[in-house]
Amino acid sequence: MTDQAPSENPEKQFSIQKLFIKDVSFESPNTPLVFTEKWQPQVDINLVNNARKAPQDLYEASVTVTVTVKNNDKTAYLIEVTQVGVFGVKGFADEEMGPLLGSFCPSVLFPYLREAVSELVTKGGFPPLLLNPVNFEALYAQHAQQNDPSKAN
């Protein structure tokens, strides 16, 4: 028999379609005075990731970082960068989509985001700032536990 029924489990397909910076901002409101003071920065980093369905079998995932650096209680610089990826996703079960979009995709995007922040800081005349690696898998698991009452202790 050569006729085969279509598979109930289609082959899983994942591809990176496009990587790009969607939004970028660098502000240094207290230059050049900030360059004359002893450099003892206080760094505040806020990281947010999102995902949404796009047309066809595409999904848009993004990671946004906001970095505020103060020196002597004055803002030295403020950076906001949103790194985005468009991913082709097909054949994954619904329960696999959350970890894929909430953990795996941000992990793909983060090195590009990290590089963009580092370049902006250096071009702004400040000492290099390297964002520490982020465990998006652990963050996703924590978020999923907080949003699922059945997993609460």
C-alpha atoms as a PDB file:
ATOM      1  CA  MET A   1       0.000   0.000   0.000  1.00  0.00           C
ATOM      2  CA  THR A   2       1.529   3.324  -1.038  1.00  0.00           C
ATOM      3  CA  ASP A   3      -1.115   5.647   0.369  1.00  0.00           C
ATOM      4  CA  GLN A   4      -0.185   6.810   3.847  1.00  0.00           C
ATOM      5  CA  ALA A   5      -2.398   8.742   6.201  1.00  0.00           C
ATOM      6  CA  PRO A   6      -1.079  12.175   7.082  1.00  0.00           C
ATOM      7  CA  SER A   7       0.964  12.073  10.242  1.00  0.00           C
ATOM      8  CA  GLU A   8      -0.848  13.277  13.329  1.00  0.00           C
ATOM      9  CA  ASN A   9       2.467  14.546  14.642  1.00  0.00           C
ATOM     10  CA  PRO A  10       3.861  16.889  11.978  1.00  0.00           C
ATOM     11  CA  GLU A  11       7.591  17.392  11.885  1.00  0.00           C
ATOM     12  CA  LYS A  12       8.781  20.150  14.188  1.00  0.00           C
ATOM     13  CA  GLN A  13      10.319  23.082  12.379  1.00  0.00           C
ATOM     14  CA  PHE A  14      12.086  26.066  13.928  1.00  0.00           C
ATOM     15  CA  SER A  15      13.974  28.739  12.040  1.00  0.00           C
ATOM     16  CA  ILE A  16      15.318  32.222  12.569  1.00  0.00           C
ATOM     17  CA  GLN A  17      13.784  34.432   9.899  1.00  0.00           C
ATOM     18  CA  LYS A  18      15.071  37.846  10.977  1.00  0.00           C
ATOM     19  CA  LEU A  19      16.976  39.460  13.869  1.00  0.00           C
ATOM     20  CA  PHE A  20      16.888  43.224  14.353  1.00  0.00           C
ATOM     21  CA  ILE A  21      16.874  46.099  16.803  1.00  0.00           C
ATOM     22  CA  LYS A  22      13.351  47.494  16.945  1.00  0.00           C
ATOM     23  CA  ASP A  23      13.981  50.360  19.373  1.00  0.00           C
ATOM     24  CA  VAL A  24      17.106  51.965  20.787  1.00  0.00           C
ATOM     25  CA  SER A  25      17.694  54.960  23.022  1.00  0.00           C
ATOM     26  CA  PHE A  26      20.809  56.374  24.686  1.00  0.00           C
ATOM     27  CA  GLU A  27      20.686  59.423  26.933  1.00  0.00           C
ATOM     28  CA  SER A  28      23.503  61.022  28.879  1.00  0.00           C
ATOM     29  CA  PRO A  29      21.963  64.102  30.511  1.00  0.00           C
ATOM     30  CA  ASN A  30      24.879  65.105  32.732  1.00  0.00           C
ATOM     31  CA  THR A  31      27.779  65.152  30.306  1.00  0.00           C
ATOM     32  CA  PRO A  32      30.429  66.446  30.272  1.00  0.00           C
ATOM     33  CA  LEU A  33      30.339  66.955  34.067  1.00  0.00           C
ATOM     34  CA  VAL A  34      29.902  63.227  34.695  1.00  0.00           C
ATOM     35  CA  PHE A  35      33.279  62.569  33.033  1.00  0.00           C
ATOM     36  CA  THR A  36      35.092  64.757  35.579  1.00  0.00           C
ATOM     37  CA  GLU A  37      33.891  62.877  38.663  1.00  0.00           C
ATOM     38  CA  LYS A  38      35.283  59.712  40.225  1.00  0.00           C
ATOM     39  CA  TRP A  39      33.558  56.761  38.541  1.00  0.00           C
ATOM     40  CA  GLN A  40      31.594  54.753  41.120  1.00  0.00           C
ATOM     41  CA  PRO A  41      28.500  53.714  39.176  1.00  0.00           C
ATOM     42  CA  GLN A  42      25.254  52.380  40.570  1.00  0.00           C
ATOM     43  CA  VAL A  43      23.689  50.199  37.891  1.00  0.00           C
ATOM     44  CA  ASP A  44      20.000  49.313  37.626  1.00  0.00           C
ATOM     45  CA  ILE A  45      18.979  46.792  34.959  1.00  0.00           C
ATOM     46  CA  ASN A  46      15.412  45.911  33.992  1.00  0.00           C
ATOM     47  CA  LEU A  47      14.811  43.094  31.514  1.00  0.00           C
ATOM     48  CA  VAL A  48      11.476  42.202  29.852  1.00  0.00           C
ATOM     49  CA  ASN A  49      10.730  39.636  27.176  1.00  0.00           C
ATOM     50  CA  ASN A  50       7.580  39.221  25.097  1.00  0.00           C
ATOM     51  CA  ALA A  51       6.315  37.066  22.264  1.00  0.00           C
ATOM     52  CA  ARG A  52       3.365  37.328  19.933  1.00  0.00           C
ATOM     53  CA  LYS A  53       1.949  35.529  16.934  1.00  0.00           C
ATOM     54  CA  ALA A  54       2.746  37.012  13.547  1.00  0.00           C
ATOM     55  CA  PRO A  55       1.233  36.052  10.175  1.00  0.00           C
ATOM     56  CA  GLN A  56       1.448  32.448   8.940  1.00  0.00           C
ATOM     57  CA  ASP A  57       3.735  30.224  11.049  1.00  0.00           C
ATOM     58  CA  LEU A  58       5.765  33.164  12.339  1.00  0.00           C
ATOM     59  CA  TYR A  59       6.242  34.490  15.856  1.00  0.00           C
ATOM     60  CA  GLU A  60       7.872  37.702  17.012  1.00  0.00           C
ATOM     61  CA  ALA A  61       9.894  37.450  20.221  1.00  0.00           C
ATOM     62  CA  SER A  62      11.559  40.438  21.851  1.00  0.00           C
ATOM     63  CA  VAL A  63      13.836  41.225  24.749  1.00  0.00           C
ATOM     64  CA  THR A  64      13.958  44.786  26.070  1.00  0.00           C
ATOM     65  CA  VAL A  65      16.575  45.987  28.501  1.00  0.00           C
ATOM     66  CA  THR A  66      16.566  49.305  30.310  1.00  0.00           C
ATOM     67  CA  VAL A  67      19.840  50.225  31.975  1.00  0.00           C
ATOM     68  CA  THR A  68      20.111  53.228  34.262  1.00  0.00           C
ATOM     69  CA  VAL A  69      23.571  54.107  35.515  1.00  0.00           C
ATOM     70  CA  LYS A  70      24.016  56.759  38.172  1.00  0.00           C
ATOM     71  CA  ASN A  71      27.236  58.227  39.491  1.00  0.00           C
ATOM     72  CA  ASN A  72      27.132  60.339  42.650  1.00  0.00           C
ATOM     73  CA  ASP A  73      23.308  60.227  42.496  1.00  0.00           C
ATOM     74  CA  LYS A  74      23.277  61.819  39.026  1.00  0.00           C
ATOM     75  CA  THR A  75      22.224  59.911  35.924  1.00  0.00           C
ATOM     76  CA  ALA A  76      25.342  59.151  33.931  1.00  0.00           C
ATOM     77  CA  TYR A  77      23.404  57.395  31.184  1.00  0.00           C
ATOM     78  CA  LEU A  78      20.159  55.666  30.404  1.00  0.00           C
ATOM     79  CA  ILE A  79      19.874  53.011  27.697  1.00  0.00           C
ATOM     80  CA  GLU A  80      16.877  51.175  26.343  1.00  0.00           C
ATOM     81  CA  VAL A  81      17.230  48.561  23.621  1.00  0.00           C
ATOM     82  CA  THR A  82      14.633  46.180  22.197  1.00  0.00           C
ATOM     83  CA  GLN A  83      16.124  43.256  20.285  1.00  0.00           C
ATOM     84  CA  VAL A  84      13.612  41.334  18.184  1.00  0.00           C
ATOM     85  CA  GLY A  85      13.565  38.070  16.329  1.00  0.00           C
ATOM     86  CA  VAL A  86      11.055  36.707  13.880  1.00  0.00           C
ATOM     87  CA  PHE A  87      10.979  32.932  14.149  1.00  0.00           C
ATOM     88  CA  GLY A  88       9.360  30.318  11.963  1.00  0.00           C
ATOM     89  CA  VAL A  89       7.653  27.780  14.232  1.00  0.00           C
ATOM     90  CA  LYS A  90       5.643  24.802  13.030  1.00  0.00           C
ATOM     91  CA  GLY A  91       4.627  21.430  14.412  1.00  0.00           C
ATOM     92  CA  PHE A  92       5.104  22.149  18.111  1.00  0.00           C
ATOM     93  CA  ALA A  93       2.439  21.167  20.616  1.00  0.00           C
ATOM     94  CA  ASP A  94       0.713  23.964  22.545  1.00  0.00           C
ATOM     95  CA  GLU A  95       2.508  22.997  25.761  1.00  0.00           C
ATOM     96  CA  GLU A  96       5.872  23.351  23.981  1.00  0.00           C
ATOM     97  CA  MET A  97       5.175  26.851  22.658  1.00  0.00           C
ATOM     98  CA  GLY A  98       5.475  28.612  26.044  1.00  0.00           C
ATOM     99  CA  PRO A  99       9.014  27.405  26.779  1.00  0.00           C
ATOM    100  CA  LEU A 100      10.035  27.877  23.153  1.00  0.00           C
ATOM    101  CA  LEU A 101       8.861  31.499  22.968  1.00  0.00           C
ATOM    102  CA  GLY A 102       9.470  32.400  26.616  1.00  0.00           C
ATOM    103  CA  SER A 103      12.864  30.795  27.113  1.00  0.00           C
ATOM    104  CA  PHE A 104      14.563  29.551  23.956  1.00  0.00           C
ATOM    105  CA  CYS A 105      13.879  32.561  21.700  1.00  0.00           C
ATOM    106  CA  PRO A 106      15.010  35.141  24.304  1.00  0.00           C
ATOM    107  CA  SER A 107      18.191  33.083  24.770  1.00  0.00           C
ATOM    108  CA  VAL A 108      18.845  33.413  21.032  1.00  0.00           C
ATOM    109  CA  LEU A 109      18.242  37.188  21.147  1.00  0.00           C
ATOM    110  CA  PHE A 110      20.209  38.041  24.286  1.00  0.00           C
ATOM    111  CA  PRO A 111      23.765  37.965  22.835  1.00  0.00           C
ATOM    112  CA  TYR A 112      22.710  40.496  20.183  1.00  0.00           C
ATOM    113  CA  LEU A 113      21.093  42.697  22.826  1.00  0.00           C
ATOM    114  CA  ARG A 114      24.194  42.449  25.009  1.00  0.00           C
ATOM    115  CA  GLU A 115      26.424  43.515  22.119  1.00  0.00           C
ATOM    116  CA  ALA A 116      24.182  46.497  21.276  1.00  0.00           C
ATOM    117  CA  VAL A 117      24.266  47.739  24.881  1.00  0.00           C
ATOM    118  CA  SER A 118      28.030  47.341  25.100  1.00  0.00           C
ATOM    119  CA  GLU A 119      28.579  49.293  21.876  1.00  0.00           C
ATOM    120  CA  LEU A 120      26.240  52.112  22.933  1.00  0.00           C
ATOM    121  CA  VAL A 121      27.952  52.529  26.300  1.00  0.00           C
ATOM    122  CA  THR A 122      31.414  52.594  24.740  1.00  0.00           C
ATOM    123  CA  LYS A 123      30.350  55.015  21.986  1.00  0.00           C
ATOM    124  CA  GLY A 124      28.837  57.200  24.711  1.00  0.00           C
ATOM    125  CA  GLY A 125      32.326  57.606  26.187  1.00  0.00           C
ATOM    126  CA  PHE A 126      31.797  55.424  29.259  1.00  0.00           C
ATOM    127  CA  PRO A 127      33.680  52.370  30.542  1.00  0.00           C
ATOM    128  CA  PRO A 128      32.396  49.134  28.982  1.00  0.00           C
ATOM    129  CA  LEU A 129      29.254  47.565  30.414  1.00  0.00           C
ATOM    130  CA  LEU A 130      28.769  43.859  29.825  1.00  0.00           C
ATOM    131  CA  LEU A 131      25.400  42.458  30.785  1.00  0.00           C
ATOM    132  CA  ASN A 132      25.713  39.211  32.706  1.00  0.00           C
ATOM    133  CA  PRO A 133      24.268  36.082  31.097  1.00  0.00           C
ATOM    134  CA  VAL A 134      20.592  35.487  31.826  1.00  0.00           C
ATOM    135  CA  ASN A 135      19.006  32.097  32.487  1.00  0.00           C
ATOM    136  CA  PHE A 136      15.765  32.583  30.561  1.00  0.00           C
ATOM    137  CA  GLU A 137      14.765  28.978  31.252  1.00  0.00           C
ATOM    138  CA  ALA A 138      14.753  29.620  35.015  1.00  0.00           C
ATOM    139  CA  LEU A 139      12.949  32.960  34.553  1.00  0.00           C
ATOM    140  CA  TYR A 140      10.297  31.285  32.399  1.00  0.00           C
ATOM    141  CA  ALA A 141       9.830  28.489  34.937  1.00  0.00           C
ATOM    142  CA  GLN A 142       9.475  31.033  37.754  1.00  0.00           C
ATOM    143  CA  HIS A 143       6.965  33.074  35.746  1.00  0.00           C
ATOM    144  CA  ALA A 144       4.963  29.956  34.811  1.00  0.00           C
ATOM    145  CA  GLN A 145       4.830  28.850  38.457  1.00  0.00           C
ATOM    146  CA  GLN A 146       3.631  32.284  39.599  1.00  0.00           C
ATOM    147  CA  ASN A 147       0.863  32.307  36.969  1.00  0.00           C
ATOM    148  CA  ASP A 148      -0.357  28.755  37.588  1.00  0.00           C
ATOM    149  CA  PRO A 149      -2.136  28.468  40.963  1.00  0.00           C
ATOM    150  CA  SER A 150      -2.011  24.659  40.782  1.00  0.00           C
ATOM    151  CA  LYS A 151       1.786  24.851  41.111  1.00  0.00           C
ATOM    152  CA  ALA A 152       1.730  27.120  44.160  1.00  0.00           C
ATOM    153  CA  ASN A 153       3.036  25.661  47.408  1.00  0.00           C
END
